[in-house]
Amino acid sequence: MEQFMKRFLEAMLHAKPEDIASFFDDDMEDDCDEDEEQDERDADMPEFLERATNVYRTKFYIVRQQIMYRRDSLLGAYLCSRDTFYCRTPERDRQYEAAFPHNEEKNGKRIPALMYIRKYID
């Protein structure tokens, strides 16, 4: 079931299956296990790109979305987005431009999800 849902999300959201965190238990854990290997790969990239399923810009923020498939007894199965809003600075804008030089839509788009959690970083 978990592999089926990851392939479904990959097709619908154009996301990589390894970037989609899934939870198949009834408790609502907010933290994902962090892999040491992933930490080493992420050391060179900007913070707003680390473990991101989607990254887009608004007028004042660069937003990192982490899309998660969740299932619980009350709501059933749904997508949840953990959004981190980084204030736009000249340095972050340069990093964003370098990370997405060939984007057709310069600022990107948000992936819709049923629920979201927001965090703001200066």
C-alpha atoms as a PDB file:
ATOM      1  CA  MET A   1       0.000   0.000   0.000  1.00  0.00           C
ATOM      2  CA  GLU A   2       2.776   2.428   0.916  1.00  0.00           C
ATOM      3  CA  GLN A   3       4.588   1.891  -2.426  1.00  0.00           C
ATOM      4  CA  PHE A   4       1.316   2.299  -4.328  1.00  0.00           C
ATOM      5  CA  MET A   5       0.629   5.646  -2.627  1.00  0.00           C
ATOM      6  CA  LYS A   6       4.167   6.880  -3.272  1.00  0.00           C
ATOM      7  CA  ARG A   7       3.825   6.024  -6.970  1.00  0.00           C
ATOM      8  CA  PHE A   8       0.398   7.682  -7.056  1.00  0.00           C
ATOM      9  CA  LEU A   9       1.777  10.867  -5.476  1.00  0.00           C
ATOM     10  CA  GLU A  10       4.750  10.781  -7.820  1.00  0.00           C
ATOM     11  CA  ALA A  11       2.403  10.737 -10.821  1.00  0.00           C
ATOM     12  CA  MET A  12      -0.014  13.352  -9.466  1.00  0.00           C
ATOM     13  CA  LEU A  13       2.440  15.816  -7.942  1.00  0.00           C
ATOM     14  CA  HIS A  14       5.538  15.108 -10.028  1.00  0.00           C
ATOM     15  CA  ALA A  15       7.437  14.430  -6.799  1.00  0.00           C
ATOM     16  CA  LYS A  16      10.212  11.905  -6.292  1.00  0.00           C
ATOM     17  CA  PRO A  17       9.045   8.904  -4.224  1.00  0.00           C
ATOM     18  CA  GLU A  18      12.043   9.228  -1.891  1.00  0.00           C
ATOM     19  CA  ASP A  19      10.994  12.824  -1.077  1.00  0.00           C
ATOM     20  CA  ILE A  20       7.534  11.774   0.124  1.00  0.00           C
ATOM     21  CA  ALA A  21       7.404  10.915   3.813  1.00  0.00           C
ATOM     22  CA  SER A  22       4.626   8.515   4.762  1.00  0.00           C
ATOM     23  CA  PHE A  23       3.108   7.521   8.075  1.00  0.00           C
ATOM     24  CA  PHE A  24       0.946   4.440   8.394  1.00  0.00           C
ATOM     25  CA  ASP A  25       0.291   4.539  12.114  1.00  0.00           C
ATOM     26  CA  ASP A  26      -2.570   6.154  14.021  1.00  0.00           C
ATOM     27  CA  ASP A  27      -0.499   8.504  16.160  1.00  0.00           C
ATOM     28  CA  MET A  28       0.357  11.948  14.844  1.00  0.00           C
ATOM     29  CA  GLU A  29       4.153  12.109  14.979  1.00  0.00           C
ATOM     30  CA  ASP A  30       5.368  15.389  13.530  1.00  0.00           C
ATOM     31  CA  ASP A  31       9.058  14.543  13.280  1.00  0.00           C
ATOM     32  CA  CYS A  32      10.578  12.327  10.611  1.00  0.00           C
ATOM     33  CA  ASP A  33      13.664  10.242  11.314  1.00  0.00           C
ATOM     34  CA  GLU A  34      16.697  12.060   9.994  1.00  0.00           C
ATOM     35  CA  ASP A  35      19.205  10.014   8.088  1.00  0.00           C
ATOM     36  CA  GLU A  36      22.916  10.770   8.607  1.00  0.00           C
ATOM     37  CA  GLU A  37      23.636  10.135   4.928  1.00  0.00           C
ATOM     38  CA  GLN A  38      20.988  12.681   3.934  1.00  0.00           C
ATOM     39  CA  ASP A  39      22.521  15.203   6.343  1.00  0.00           C
ATOM     40  CA  GLU A  40      25.904  14.891   4.609  1.00  0.00           C
ATOM     41  CA  ARG A  41      24.333  15.454   1.165  1.00  0.00           C
ATOM     42  CA  ASP A  42      22.326  18.424   2.451  1.00  0.00           C
ATOM     43  CA  ALA A  43      25.368  20.178   3.965  1.00  0.00           C
ATOM     44  CA  ASP A  44      26.154  21.939   0.653  1.00  0.00           C
ATOM     45  CA  MET A  45      22.662  23.166  -0.190  1.00  0.00           C
ATOM     46  CA  PRO A  46      20.683  26.120   1.168  1.00  0.00           C
ATOM     47  CA  GLU A  47      18.491  25.433   4.192  1.00  0.00           C
ATOM     48  CA  PHE A  48      15.281  26.080   2.254  1.00  0.00           C
ATOM     49  CA  LEU A  49      16.117  23.213  -0.136  1.00  0.00           C
ATOM     50  CA  GLU A  50      16.883  20.586   2.513  1.00  0.00           C
ATOM     51  CA  ARG A  51      14.358  17.726   2.487  1.00  0.00           C
ATOM     52  CA  ALA A  52      12.000  19.761   0.304  1.00  0.00           C
ATOM     53  CA  THR A  53       9.294  18.208  -1.839  1.00  0.00           C
ATOM     54  CA  ASN A  54       8.489  21.598  -3.364  1.00  0.00           C
ATOM     55  CA  VAL A  55      10.002  25.089  -3.135  1.00  0.00           C
ATOM     56  CA  TYR A  56       8.311  28.259  -4.345  1.00  0.00           C
ATOM     57  CA  ARG A  57       8.486  32.035  -3.802  1.00  0.00           C
ATOM     58  CA  THR A  58       5.939  34.614  -2.733  1.00  0.00           C
ATOM     59  CA  LYS A  59       6.397  38.376  -2.536  1.00  0.00           C
ATOM     60  CA  PHE A  60       8.045  38.217   0.894  1.00  0.00           C
ATOM     61  CA  TYR A  61       9.006  34.543   1.426  1.00  0.00           C
ATOM     62  CA  ILE A  62      10.710  31.518  -0.056  1.00  0.00           C
ATOM     63  CA  VAL A  63       8.574  28.558   1.014  1.00  0.00           C
ATOM     64  CA  ARG A  64       9.743  24.964   1.490  1.00  0.00           C
ATOM     65  CA  GLN A  65       6.980  22.352   1.351  1.00  0.00           C
ATOM     66  CA  GLN A  66       7.449  18.889   2.758  1.00  0.00           C
ATOM     67  CA  ILE A  67       4.516  16.774   1.570  1.00  0.00           C
ATOM     68  CA  MET A  68       3.539  13.824   3.749  1.00  0.00           C
ATOM     69  CA  TYR A  69       0.966  11.108   3.234  1.00  0.00           C
ATOM     70  CA  ARG A  70      -0.896  10.539   6.500  1.00  0.00           C
ATOM     71  CA  ARG A  71      -3.556   8.095   7.575  1.00  0.00           C
ATOM     72  CA  ASP A  72      -5.550   8.116  10.772  1.00  0.00           C
ATOM     73  CA  SER A  73      -8.826   6.732  12.042  1.00  0.00           C
ATOM     74  CA  LEU A  74     -10.638  10.097  12.055  1.00  0.00           C
ATOM     75  CA  LEU A  75      -9.802  11.540   8.613  1.00  0.00           C
ATOM     76  CA  GLY A  76      -8.671   8.467   6.724  1.00  0.00           C
ATOM     77  CA  ALA A  77      -5.867   9.082   4.204  1.00  0.00           C
ATOM     78  CA  TYR A  78      -4.794  12.622   3.335  1.00  0.00           C
ATOM     79  CA  LEU A  79      -1.854  14.791   2.292  1.00  0.00           C
ATOM     80  CA  CYS A  80      -0.269  17.059   4.862  1.00  0.00           C
ATOM     81  CA  SER A  81       2.202  19.827   4.051  1.00  0.00           C
ATOM     82  CA  ARG A  82       4.831  21.035   6.489  1.00  0.00           C
ATOM     83  CA  ASP A  83       5.600  24.561   5.231  1.00  0.00           C
ATOM     84  CA  THR A  84       8.602  26.599   6.296  1.00  0.00           C
ATOM     85  CA  PHE A  85       8.528  30.266   5.286  1.00  0.00           C
ATOM     86  CA  TYR A  86      11.980  31.880   4.919  1.00  0.00           C
ATOM     87  CA  CYS A  87      12.081  35.680   4.646  1.00  0.00           C
ATOM     88  CA  ARG A  88      13.435  36.698   1.262  1.00  0.00           C
ATOM     89  CA  THR A  89      16.921  38.170   1.384  1.00  0.00           C
ATOM     90  CA  PRO A  90      19.288  38.975  -1.491  1.00  0.00           C
ATOM     91  CA  GLU A  91      21.405  35.934  -0.564  1.00  0.00           C
ATOM     92  CA  ARG A  92      18.413  33.551  -0.460  1.00  0.00           C
ATOM     93  CA  ASP A  93      17.121  34.982  -3.754  1.00  0.00           C
ATOM     94  CA  ARG A  94      20.519  34.284  -5.360  1.00  0.00           C
ATOM     95  CA  GLN A  95      20.445  30.723  -3.991  1.00  0.00           C
ATOM     96  CA  TYR A  96      16.889  30.232  -5.265  1.00  0.00           C
ATOM     97  CA  GLU A  97      17.828  31.537  -8.725  1.00  0.00           C
ATOM     98  CA  ALA A  98      20.863  29.227  -8.807  1.00  0.00           C
ATOM     99  CA  ALA A  99      18.799  26.212  -7.733  1.00  0.00           C
ATOM    100  CA  PHE A 100      16.028  26.780 -10.314  1.00  0.00           C
ATOM    101  CA  PRO A 101      17.597  28.491 -13.337  1.00  0.00           C
ATOM    102  CA  HIS A 102      15.360  26.807 -15.924  1.00  0.00           C
ATOM    103  CA  ASN A 103      11.965  27.099 -14.222  1.00  0.00           C
ATOM    104  CA  GLU A 104       9.238  28.109 -16.667  1.00  0.00           C
ATOM    105  CA  GLU A 105       7.338  29.802 -13.851  1.00  0.00           C
ATOM    106  CA  LYS A 106       9.988  31.768 -11.965  1.00  0.00           C
ATOM    107  CA  ASN A 107       8.304  31.704  -8.556  1.00  0.00           C
ATOM    108  CA  GLY A 108       6.937  28.158  -8.724  1.00  0.00           C
ATOM    109  CA  LYS A 109       3.595  26.930  -7.394  1.00  0.00           C
ATOM    110  CA  ARG A 110       2.240  25.515  -4.172  1.00  0.00           C
ATOM    111  CA  ILE A 111       1.206  21.858  -4.086  1.00  0.00           C
ATOM    112  CA  PRO A 112      -2.300  21.751  -2.577  1.00  0.00           C
ATOM    113  CA  ALA A 113      -2.766  19.638   0.550  1.00  0.00           C
ATOM    114  CA  LEU A 114      -5.665  19.040   2.934  1.00  0.00           C
ATOM    115  CA  MET A 115      -3.729  20.174   6.016  1.00  0.00           C
ATOM    116  CA  TYR A 116      -0.616  22.212   6.617  1.00  0.00           C
ATOM    117  CA  ILE A 117       1.732  23.204   9.397  1.00  0.00           C
ATOM    118  CA  ARG A 118       3.520  26.575   9.109  1.00  0.00           C
ATOM    119  CA  LYS A 119       6.811  27.774  10.544  1.00  0.00           C
ATOM    120  CA  TYR A 120       8.412  31.188   9.904  1.00  0.00           C
ATOM    121  CA  ILE A 121      12.158  31.865   9.815  1.00  0.00           C
ATOM    122  CA  ASP A 122      13.762  35.310   9.507  1.00  0.00           C
END
